[in-house]
Structures are given as structure tokens and as C-alpha cells.
Amino acid sequence: MRVTTNLIFDQNFRAINNSQGKLSDIQTQLASGRKLLRPSDDPVGAVQVIRLTEEIDKTVQYRRNIDLATNNLELQDTTMRSINEIVNRGRVLVVQSGNGIISTEDRRALASELDQIRNQVIDLMNTQNASGEYIFAGYQSREQAFNFNPGNSINPIQFQGDDGINSMQLSDSVSIQTTVSGKTLFEDVKARLDITNVSAAGFAFGGYDMQSQDDFDVFHELNFSAVSPANNQYQMELLASNEIQVTNLGTGSVVDTIPYIAGQPTVFAGLTVDIQGGVGSTFDFELKRPDKQNLAETLHNMSLALNDSSISDYQYQREIRNALVGIDNGLDKMARENSSVGARLNIAESVLGSLLDTDVANQKARSTIQDVDYAEASAEFSKQETALSAAFASFPRVAGLSLFDFI
């Protein structure tokens, strides 16, 4: 093969250019810390790096979600614990108000403290997070959840939010509830089950009481009919056998037959009825439709009863029982929600631990593929630098060779 001057120059130029390119690549690797500078360096490795980077970025977002969810749940937990503590104080006052020796002034003093507790509860039910959102307002989080209007005797505490519940994705397969609607937590609290439309014919009626609210609740829940109101009507009739027959007026069926002892109250399904009379006397009553009442409204109604100087002792005692049952039901509902919040916090903590472990593994795998080995790269840099220096030094000598030098 004939070696021309052009061939010599082209070959040396390509050799120098290649050495400069390799040296530049190694210098870039050392400067950036990355072994893969372009997909063509390692096509398979480049795809793996893209996939691992997507997983790492997704983990970062999930960790942010977990932080946000944890903050929301911890705020709810703290708020409910504060409400629980305050309402328990209100319950103590309600029990104290049942003391038969307290005066009218004492009742007003108790009512004043109950008003303060009611206001504190309403403030806590309108708790806002760091973004200014009302945490118990559902999807209407920019609007105040509860509004108190003491002039409204029917519904003084109005819920202005909705039933919306927010959830947050913590991982590819795990999503948890991060909010609870104030309607579910505070509005939908069962009021005390009772009877209504009471009337007596022939009996001298001295009133009724609950000997066992639990027993009456069981009877009410098993027998109340929302479809057929007539089936909620009952009659007690004194028979010649000195027994009281309890009949469902809607169905006509005999529910129970219980002994009648003159001068003593009659007990039926946890209900104590003071009825005295002769054979054929009847006492009618109807199962009251189950109601739901806001927890703060329960405190408000008790305060009104304490301030009402014209209230009868019988009605006053009923208001106390209503308040105690309403408070207990409200506290029970918050206790269940607190337990649920605790479980969700545990889930968030567990998922975070798994995400951190996965993130470490992905970071390590990506680093192995794309990050430069400085010891290896430094040695390669020195080798390429030596090769380039040799190419620069040899080129003038090769280019200077000529047969004319030997003539």
C-alpha cells in the first residue's frame, strides 16, 4: 500500500482527535460524577437509570404525601383530644347540676361555665390547618364548618360544610383517609332514645323514668319502625288478673304481660312508669323517632335548662338525662375516630419505612450504573493524557520524514 502524505496527516489527525475526545469525556465524568454522559455509552444502563430515577422521584412525592397526611391526622387527633377533655369537664357539670340541693344561683353559675365550654367546643370544631382550611368542613374547607346562632331555637348550631372526605396516596397500593367531616363526627351523634305522645285513661299518671336506658335502647332499636309509624304505638292495660298487658296498637300483637303492684311503678323494657288505677285503665305511649344532635348543641340545651327558672323538676331531670346520653354518645364517637386516626398514623409510619428502604435500594442501584468510579476514571484520564501527549509528540516526526533527506 502506498502511504501518501494525505494519509499520514489524516491518520494522525484522527488519532489525536479520538484521544482528545476520550480525554474530554473522562474529564467530564470526573467533573460531573456521572459515568453515563449519553445513552450511547450504555443503552441498557441508560434505560435502567431512567426507570430508577422515575421510582426515586415517585418516592420523593410519596414521602411528601406522607408528611402532609401525618400533619393533618396529628392536627385532627390533637383537636379531638382537646374537645374530649373540655366536654368531659362539661359532663362533670351536668352531673353536678343534678344535685337536688343546688340553688337557682348555682344553676346559673353552672350554665355560665357550660356556655364557655360550648364556645370552646365550637372554636375547636372550626379548627384550621396551616393553609387556613377548616379541617372538619369536608370539601368546603374554605368555609367555616360550624356557625352558632343562639337566636335560632330550633337549630342554633348549623353545619356549613359537606360530607366530603379527603384521601391521600402514600404508595402505589396504599391510600388513607386524611380528613373526617364534622357532620359525621359532631352532627350525627345519637340523642337519647325516649317515648312521646304519652297519655293515660283511668290511670293516675305520676310520670315515667328510665330504670335502664340500655334496656330501653335495645327494645327501641329492635321495634322502632320508620316505615309504619302506627307500629310504634303501644298501650299498657290493667287486666282483671292484676297484670298489665302491653300491646302494639299497630299490629295488635301482645308484646308482654307484666305483674301490676298497686303503689309501685311498673317496669317495662327498662322504662319505669308510675301508673295507679283500676281494671281497664290504659296508658298509651309512642316510641320517639331517633334523633341526632350536635355535641355542642347538647351542651347548649343543658345551659338553657339551667337558666330556665320555670322548668319543672320532671322536665329538668329529663334534660339532664338527655345531656348525659348525648355527651356520652359524642365522646364515644370521638374515641372511635381517635382510634381510627391512630391506626392511619401507624399505616403512614409503616409505609414511610418501606419507602425509605426501597429508596436506598434504588439509589444504590442507580449509583452503580451511572456514577463514576473516581479511582478508575483518574487512572484512565492519566492513560489518555499520556496517549494524547505521545500522539502530539510523534506527529511532527512522522510528518517530517522525506526521502529528500537522504539525497
Protein backbone atom coordinates (compact mmCIF):
# COMPACT_ATOMS: atom_id res chain seq x y z
CA MET A 1 0.00 0.00 0.00
CA ARG A 2 1.28 3.39 -0.93
CA VAL A 3 1.44 5.73 2.08
CA THR A 4 0.74 9.24 0.93
CA THR A 5 1.28 12.45 2.80
CA ASN A 6 -2.51 12.96 2.99
CA LEU A 7 -2.97 9.50 4.53
CA ILE A 8 -0.31 10.22 7.13
CA PHE A 9 -1.93 13.52 8.05
CA ASP A 10 -5.47 12.02 8.16
CA GLN A 11 -4.46 9.08 10.34
CA ASN A 12 -2.57 11.26 12.80
CA PHE A 13 -5.40 13.78 12.91
CA ARG A 14 -7.96 11.05 13.66
CA ALA A 15 -5.72 9.57 16.36
CA ILE A 16 -5.22 12.94 18.04
CA ASN A 17 -8.92 13.79 17.71
CA ASN A 18 -10.01 10.45 19.22
CA SER A 19 -7.58 10.83 22.10
CA GLN A 20 -8.83 14.34 22.77
CA GLY A 21 -12.45 13.13 22.70
CA LYS A 22 -11.77 10.31 25.16
CA LEU A 23 -9.81 12.63 27.41
CA SER A 24 -12.63 15.19 27.28
CA ASP A 25 -15.22 12.50 28.14
CA ILE A 26 -13.20 11.32 31.13
CA GLN A 27 -12.70 14.89 32.28
CA THR A 28 -16.48 15.46 32.05
CA GLN A 29 -17.10 12.25 34.02
CA LEU A 30 -14.73 13.43 36.76
CA ALA A 31 -16.36 16.86 36.84
CA SER A 32 -19.99 15.63 36.82
CA GLY A 33 -19.53 12.43 38.78
CA ARG A 34 -21.55 10.60 36.11
CA LYS A 35 -20.25 7.65 34.11
CA LEU A 36 -23.06 7.77 31.54
CA LEU A 37 -22.79 11.00 29.60
CA ARG A 38 -25.07 9.95 26.73
CA PRO A 39 -27.40 7.00 26.08
CA SER A 40 -25.00 5.55 23.55
CA ASP A 41 -22.41 4.99 26.29
CA ASP A 42 -24.59 2.15 27.69
CA PRO A 43 -28.08 1.86 26.12
CA VAL A 44 -29.30 -0.81 28.55
CA GLY A 45 -27.86 1.02 31.54
CA ALA A 46 -29.41 4.31 30.37
CA VAL A 47 -32.89 2.72 30.30
CA GLN A 48 -32.35 1.31 33.79
CA VAL A 49 -31.23 4.73 35.08
CA ILE A 50 -34.37 6.38 33.65
CA ARG A 51 -36.59 3.77 35.29
CA LEU A 52 -34.78 4.01 38.64
CA THR A 53 -34.92 7.82 38.52
CA GLU A 54 -38.69 7.66 37.97
CA GLU A 55 -39.06 5.38 41.01
CA ILE A 56 -36.87 7.66 43.14
CA ASP A 57 -38.83 10.78 42.10
CA LYS A 58 -42.09 8.97 42.84
CA THR A 59 -40.79 8.03 46.28
CA VAL A 60 -39.95 11.67 46.96
CA GLN A 61 -43.55 12.65 46.15
CA TYR A 62 -44.96 9.85 48.29
CA ARG A 63 -42.81 11.00 51.20
CA ARG A 64 -44.23 14.49 50.81
CA ASN A 65 -47.74 13.00 50.80
CA ILE A 66 -46.96 11.07 53.97
CA ASP A 67 -45.68 14.21 55.70
CA LEU A 68 -48.82 16.12 54.71
CA ALA A 69 -51.14 13.26 55.71
CA THR A 70 -49.34 12.85 59.03
CA ASN A 71 -49.63 16.56 59.80
CA ASN A 72 -53.37 16.53 59.01
CA LEU A 73 -54.02 13.44 61.11
CA GLU A 74 -51.98 14.70 64.05
CA LEU A 75 -53.88 18.01 63.97
CA GLN A 76 -57.20 16.12 64.00
CA ASP A 77 -56.01 13.91 66.84
CA THR A 78 -54.87 16.90 68.92
CA THR A 79 -58.13 18.76 68.28
CA MET A 80 -60.33 15.80 69.22
CA ARG A 81 -58.33 15.19 72.38
CA SER A 82 -58.83 18.83 73.36
CA ILE A 83 -62.58 18.58 72.69
CA ASN A 84 -62.72 15.35 74.68
CA GLU A 85 -61.05 16.99 77.68
CA ILE A 86 -63.32 20.03 77.58
CA VAL A 87 -66.53 18.03 77.10
CA ASN A 88 -65.60 15.74 79.99
CA ARG A 89 -65.50 18.84 82.16
CA GLY A 90 -68.96 19.71 80.84
CA ARG A 91 -70.18 16.24 81.75
CA VAL A 92 -68.99 16.76 85.32
CA LEU A 93 -71.01 19.97 85.46
CA VAL A 94 -74.12 18.22 84.11
CA VAL A 95 -73.83 15.53 86.78
CA GLN A 96 -73.31 18.25 89.39
CA SER A 97 -76.44 20.04 88.19
CA GLY A 98 -78.49 17.01 89.20
CA ASN A 99 -77.75 17.65 92.84
CA GLY A 100 -81.09 18.41 94.44
CA ILE A 101 -79.72 20.98 96.87
CA ILE A 102 -78.22 23.44 94.41
CA SER A 103 -79.87 26.84 94.27
CA THR A 104 -81.03 28.90 91.32
CA GLU A 105 -77.84 30.95 91.52
CA ASP A 106 -75.80 27.74 91.45
CA ARG A 107 -77.63 26.62 88.33
CA ARG A 108 -76.87 29.93 86.62
CA ALA A 109 -73.20 29.63 87.57
CA LEU A 110 -73.10 26.13 86.07
CA ALA A 111 -74.87 27.41 82.94
CA SER A 112 -72.30 30.19 82.56
CA GLU A 113 -69.43 27.68 82.66
CA LEU A 114 -71.26 25.38 80.25
CA ASP A 115 -71.61 28.33 77.85
CA GLN A 116 -67.84 28.83 77.93
CA ILE A 117 -67.28 25.13 77.32
CA ARG A 118 -69.79 25.20 74.43
CA ASN A 119 -67.93 28.15 72.86
CA GLN A 120 -64.59 26.39 73.21
CA VAL A 121 -66.01 23.27 71.59
CA ILE A 122 -67.36 25.30 68.66
CA ASP A 123 -63.99 27.03 68.23
CA LEU A 124 -62.22 23.65 68.15
CA MET A 125 -64.78 22.28 65.67
CA ASN A 126 -63.76 25.23 63.45
CA THR A 127 -60.04 24.40 63.70
CA GLN A 128 -57.96 25.46 60.69
CA ASN A 129 -54.74 23.93 59.40
CA ALA A 130 -51.60 25.80 58.29
CA SER A 131 -53.21 26.50 54.90
CA GLY A 132 -56.21 28.17 56.52
CA GLU A 133 -58.57 25.28 55.67
CA TYR A 134 -61.25 24.18 58.13
CA ILE A 135 -60.33 20.58 58.82
CA PHE A 136 -63.88 19.44 59.68
CA ALA A 137 -65.71 21.18 56.80
CA GLY A 138 -65.39 18.37 54.25
CA TYR A 139 -64.79 19.60 50.71
CA GLN A 140 -65.99 23.11 51.70
CA SER A 141 -62.76 23.63 53.62
CA ARG A 142 -62.55 27.34 52.78
CA GLU A 143 -65.82 28.00 54.61
CA GLN A 144 -66.27 27.92 58.39
CA ALA A 145 -67.53 24.49 59.37
CA PHE A 146 -69.96 25.46 62.16
CA ASN A 147 -71.93 28.61 62.80
CA PHE A 148 -73.51 29.38 66.18
CA ASN A 149 -76.74 31.37 66.20
CA PRO A 150 -78.18 31.47 69.75
CA GLY A 151 -81.31 33.18 68.44
CA ASN A 152 -82.27 30.08 66.48
CA SER A 153 -84.13 27.91 68.98
CA ILE A 154 -84.58 25.00 66.54
CA ASN A 155 -81.07 24.66 65.14
CA PRO A 156 -78.69 27.04 66.95
CA ILE A 157 -75.53 25.33 65.69
CA GLN A 158 -75.50 24.88 61.94
CA PHE A 159 -73.04 22.82 59.92
CA GLN A 160 -72.00 24.66 56.76
CA GLY A 161 -69.68 22.07 55.23
CA ASP A 162 -70.44 18.77 53.50
CA ASP A 163 -69.77 15.05 53.85
CA GLY A 164 -66.58 15.18 51.78
CA ILE A 165 -63.66 13.02 52.90
CA ASN A 166 -60.17 13.55 51.50
CA SER A 167 -57.73 10.71 50.92
CA MET A 168 -54.06 10.71 50.05
CA GLN A 169 -51.94 8.22 48.11
CA LEU A 170 -48.99 7.05 50.21
CA SER A 171 -47.63 4.43 47.81
CA ASP A 172 -48.63 2.63 44.63
CA SER A 173 -51.07 0.47 46.55
CA VAL A 174 -51.81 2.33 49.81
CA SER A 175 -54.22 5.24 50.22
CA ILE A 176 -55.54 6.53 53.55
CA GLN A 177 -58.28 8.89 54.68
CA THR A 178 -56.78 12.17 55.88
CA THR A 179 -59.89 14.11 56.94
CA VAL A 180 -63.24 13.49 58.60
CA SER A 181 -66.37 15.55 58.07
CA GLY A 182 -67.69 17.47 61.07
CA LYS A 183 -71.16 16.28 60.09
CA THR A 184 -70.14 12.69 60.67
CA LEU A 185 -68.10 13.39 63.78
CA PHE A 186 -70.13 16.07 65.60
CA GLU A 187 -73.54 16.38 63.93
CA ASP A 188 -74.55 12.74 63.58
CA VAL A 189 -74.42 11.97 67.31
CA LYS A 190 -77.35 9.91 68.55
CA ALA A 191 -79.61 11.67 71.02
CA ARG A 192 -81.23 9.81 73.89
CA LEU A 193 -83.95 7.38 72.82
CA ASP A 194 -87.25 8.15 74.54
CA ILE A 195 -91.04 7.87 74.31
CA THR A 196 -93.53 10.55 73.27
CA ASN A 197 -97.28 11.21 72.95
CA VAL A 198 -97.88 9.93 76.47
CA SER A 199 -101.49 9.69 77.67
CA ALA A 200 -103.37 7.85 80.44
CA ALA A 201 -107.05 6.86 80.69
CA GLY A 202 -108.25 5.70 84.09
CA PHE A 203 -104.72 5.59 85.44
CA ALA A 204 -103.35 8.28 87.70
CA PHE A 205 -100.13 9.05 85.84
CA GLY A 206 -97.23 10.17 88.03
CA GLY A 207 -94.63 10.33 85.28
CA TYR A 208 -92.05 7.96 83.85
CA ASP A 209 -88.33 7.43 84.09
CA MET A 210 -85.62 5.20 82.68
CA GLN A 211 -84.69 2.44 85.07
CA SER A 212 -82.26 1.15 82.45
CA GLN A 213 -81.51 3.29 79.40
CA ASP A 214 -79.55 0.41 77.86
CA ASP A 215 -82.51 -1.98 78.07
CA PHE A 216 -84.84 0.61 76.59
CA ASP A 217 -82.36 1.34 73.79
CA VAL A 218 -82.29 -2.34 72.87
CA PHE A 219 -86.12 -2.50 72.83
CA HIS A 220 -86.35 0.72 70.80
CA GLU A 221 -83.80 -0.39 68.21
CA LEU A 222 -85.46 -3.78 67.76
CA ASN A 223 -89.02 -2.49 67.50
CA PHE A 224 -88.98 1.02 66.04
CA SER A 225 -90.43 1.16 62.54
CA ALA A 226 -89.52 4.04 60.26
CA VAL A 227 -91.94 2.75 57.59
CA SER A 228 -95.09 2.18 59.68
CA PRO A 229 -95.49 4.88 62.39
CA ALA A 230 -98.58 3.07 63.77
CA ASN A 231 -96.36 0.16 64.77
CA ASN A 232 -94.51 2.48 67.16
CA GLN A 233 -97.62 2.99 69.30
CA TYR A 234 -98.06 0.89 72.45
CA GLN A 235 -100.70 0.56 75.14
CA MET A 236 -100.47 -0.71 78.73
CA GLU A 237 -103.82 -2.06 80.03
CA LEU A 238 -104.58 -3.27 83.55
CA LEU A 239 -106.27 -6.69 83.40
CA ALA A 240 -108.55 -8.34 85.97
CA SER A 241 -105.72 -10.80 86.65
CA ASN A 242 -103.86 -7.90 88.23
CA GLU A 243 -101.45 -7.87 85.32
CA ILE A 244 -100.57 -5.21 82.80
CA GLN A 245 -100.77 -6.26 79.19
CA VAL A 246 -98.54 -4.38 76.75
CA THR A 247 -99.95 -4.32 73.21
CA ASN A 248 -98.58 -2.95 69.95
CA LEU A 249 -101.52 -0.89 68.67
CA GLY A 250 -100.30 -1.02 65.09
CA THR A 251 -100.01 -4.78 64.79
CA GLY A 252 -102.44 -5.72 67.56
CA SER A 253 -99.97 -8.22 68.98
CA VAL A 254 -99.37 -8.61 72.71
CA VAL A 255 -95.76 -7.69 73.43
CA ASP A 256 -95.59 -8.63 77.10
CA THR A 257 -97.63 -9.27 80.25
CA ILE A 258 -96.14 -7.99 83.48
CA PRO A 259 -97.31 -8.02 87.13
CA TYR A 260 -99.08 -4.95 88.49
CA ILE A 261 -98.44 -3.96 92.11
CA ALA A 262 -100.54 -1.09 93.38
CA GLY A 263 -98.49 1.74 94.74
CA GLN A 264 -95.36 0.69 92.89
CA PRO A 265 -94.10 1.81 89.47
CA THR A 266 -94.44 -0.60 86.55
CA VAL A 267 -91.24 -1.57 84.74
CA PHE A 268 -91.26 -2.47 81.05
CA ALA A 269 -88.22 -2.71 78.74
CA GLY A 270 -86.14 -0.53 81.05
CA LEU A 271 -88.95 2.04 81.27
CA THR A 272 -90.38 2.84 84.71
CA VAL A 273 -93.96 4.16 84.59
CA ASP A 274 -95.84 5.46 87.63
CA ILE A 275 -99.44 4.46 86.90
CA GLN A 276 -102.11 3.74 89.52
CA GLY A 277 -105.68 2.77 88.70
CA GLY A 278 -108.33 0.10 88.26
CA VAL A 279 -109.07 -2.67 85.80
CA GLY A 280 -109.40 -1.43 82.24
CA SER A 281 -107.21 1.61 82.79
CA THR A 282 -104.81 2.26 79.94
CA PHE A 283 -101.55 4.08 79.39
CA ASP A 284 -100.51 4.90 75.81
CA PHE A 285 -97.09 5.91 74.53
CA GLU A 286 -95.19 6.03 71.29
CA LEU A 287 -91.55 5.28 70.54
CA LYS A 288 -89.88 8.58 69.72
CA ARG A 289 -88.15 8.79 66.37
CA PRO A 290 -84.37 8.56 66.81
CA ASP A 291 -82.75 12.00 66.63
CA LYS A 292 -79.21 13.18 66.10
CA GLN A 293 -77.80 16.23 67.82
CA ASN A 294 -74.61 18.24 67.60
CA LEU A 295 -72.35 17.72 70.60
CA ALA A 296 -72.08 21.46 71.24
CA GLU A 297 -75.86 21.76 70.89
CA THR A 298 -76.29 19.21 73.68
CA LEU A 299 -74.26 21.47 75.97
CA HIS A 300 -76.24 24.49 74.77
CA ASN A 301 -79.61 22.86 75.56
CA MET A 302 -78.41 21.92 79.03
CA SER A 303 -77.36 25.51 79.62
CA LEU A 304 -80.83 26.71 78.59
CA ALA A 305 -82.41 24.28 81.05
CA LEU A 306 -80.18 25.54 83.85
CA ASN A 307 -81.17 29.13 83.10
CA ASP A 308 -84.90 28.33 82.87
CA SER A 309 -86.41 29.18 86.25
CA SER A 310 -89.87 27.99 85.13
CA ILE A 311 -88.84 24.47 84.16
CA SER A 312 -90.49 21.63 86.09
CA ASP A 313 -88.35 19.26 88.08
CA TYR A 314 -89.58 16.40 85.91
CA GLN A 315 -88.53 18.17 82.68
CA TYR A 316 -85.28 19.32 84.29
CA GLN A 317 -84.33 15.73 85.12
CA ARG A 318 -85.15 14.69 81.55
CA GLU A 319 -82.84 17.42 80.22
CA ILE A 320 -80.05 16.11 82.46
CA ARG A 321 -80.56 12.59 81.13
CA ASN A 322 -80.68 13.90 77.56
CA ALA A 323 -77.42 15.79 78.08
CA LEU A 324 -75.58 12.87 79.69
CA VAL A 325 -76.57 10.42 76.97
CA GLY A 326 -75.77 12.96 74.21
CA ILE A 327 -72.37 13.75 75.72
CA ASP A 328 -71.52 10.06 76.22
CA ASN A 329 -72.52 9.23 72.64
CA GLY A 330 -70.45 12.15 71.35
CA LEU A 331 -67.41 11.14 73.38
CA ASP A 332 -67.79 7.55 72.22
CA LYS A 333 -67.87 8.65 68.60
CA MET A 334 -64.73 10.77 69.03
CA ALA A 335 -62.99 7.88 70.80
CA ARG A 336 -63.68 5.63 67.79
CA GLU A 337 -62.40 8.31 65.40
CA ASN A 338 -59.30 8.81 67.56
CA SER A 339 -58.64 5.10 67.33
CA SER A 340 -59.06 5.25 63.56
CA VAL A 341 -56.68 8.22 63.29
CA GLY A 342 -54.10 6.33 65.35
CA ALA A 343 -54.38 3.33 63.03
CA ARG A 344 -53.92 5.54 59.97
CA LEU A 345 -50.87 7.19 61.54
CA ASN A 346 -49.40 3.73 62.10
CA ILE A 347 -50.04 2.85 58.46
CA ALA A 348 -48.35 6.08 57.32
CA GLU A 349 -45.32 5.34 59.50
CA SER A 350 -45.09 1.78 58.21
CA VAL A 351 -45.37 2.86 54.56
CA LEU A 352 -42.71 5.53 55.14
CA GLY A 353 -40.31 2.91 56.47
CA SER A 354 -40.88 0.73 53.40
CA LEU A 355 -40.43 3.69 51.06
CA LEU A 356 -37.14 4.65 52.72
CA ASP A 357 -35.82 1.10 52.34
CA THR A 358 -36.88 0.98 48.70
CA ASP A 359 -35.37 4.41 48.05
CA VAL A 360 -32.00 3.33 49.46
CA ALA A 361 -32.00 0.25 47.23
CA ASN A 362 -32.94 2.29 44.13
CA GLN A 363 -30.35 4.96 44.88
CA LYS A 364 -27.67 2.30 45.24
CA ALA A 365 -28.69 0.55 42.02
CA ARG A 366 -28.70 3.82 40.05
CA SER A 367 -25.37 4.86 41.51
CA THR A 368 -23.81 1.55 40.44
CA ILE A 369 -24.93 2.12 36.86
CA GLN A 370 -24.39 5.83 36.32
CA ASP A 371 -21.97 7.17 38.92
CA VAL A 372 -18.28 7.33 38.06
CA ASP A 373 -15.57 5.33 39.85
CA TYR A 374 -13.09 8.13 40.58
CA ALA A 375 -10.10 5.83 41.04
CA GLU A 376 -10.74 4.08 37.74
CA ALA A 377 -11.55 7.33 35.93
CA SER A 378 -8.42 9.06 37.27
CA ALA A 379 -6.23 6.21 36.05
CA GLU A 380 -7.97 6.27 32.65
CA PHE A 381 -7.51 10.03 32.48
CA SER A 382 -3.76 9.66 33.04
CA LYS A 383 -3.55 6.94 30.37
CA GLN A 384 -5.46 9.00 27.80
CA GLU A 385 -3.41 12.09 28.66
CA THR A 386 -0.20 10.11 28.04
CA ALA A 387 -1.56 8.75 24.77
CA LEU A 388 -2.51 12.24 23.58
CA SER A 389 0.91 13.64 24.53
CA ALA A 390 2.57 10.79 22.63
CA ALA A 391 0.38 11.48 19.60
CA PHE A 392 1.25 15.16 19.67
CA ALA A 393 4.97 14.39 20.01
CA SER A 394 5.11 11.71 17.31
CA PHE A 395 3.10 13.54 14.66
CA PRO A 396 5.79 16.18 13.77
CA ARG A 397 8.41 13.47 13.48
CA VAL A 398 6.27 11.29 11.22
CA ALA A 399 5.17 14.28 9.17
CA GLY A 400 8.78 15.42 8.75
CA LEU A 401 10.03 12.17 7.17
CA SER A 402 11.04 12.62 3.47
CA LEU A 403 13.30 10.74 1.01
CA PHE A 404 14.83 14.05 0.08
CA ASP A 405 16.55 14.00 3.46
CA PHE A 406 18.67 11.05 2.28
CA ILE A 407 19.78 12.54 -1.10
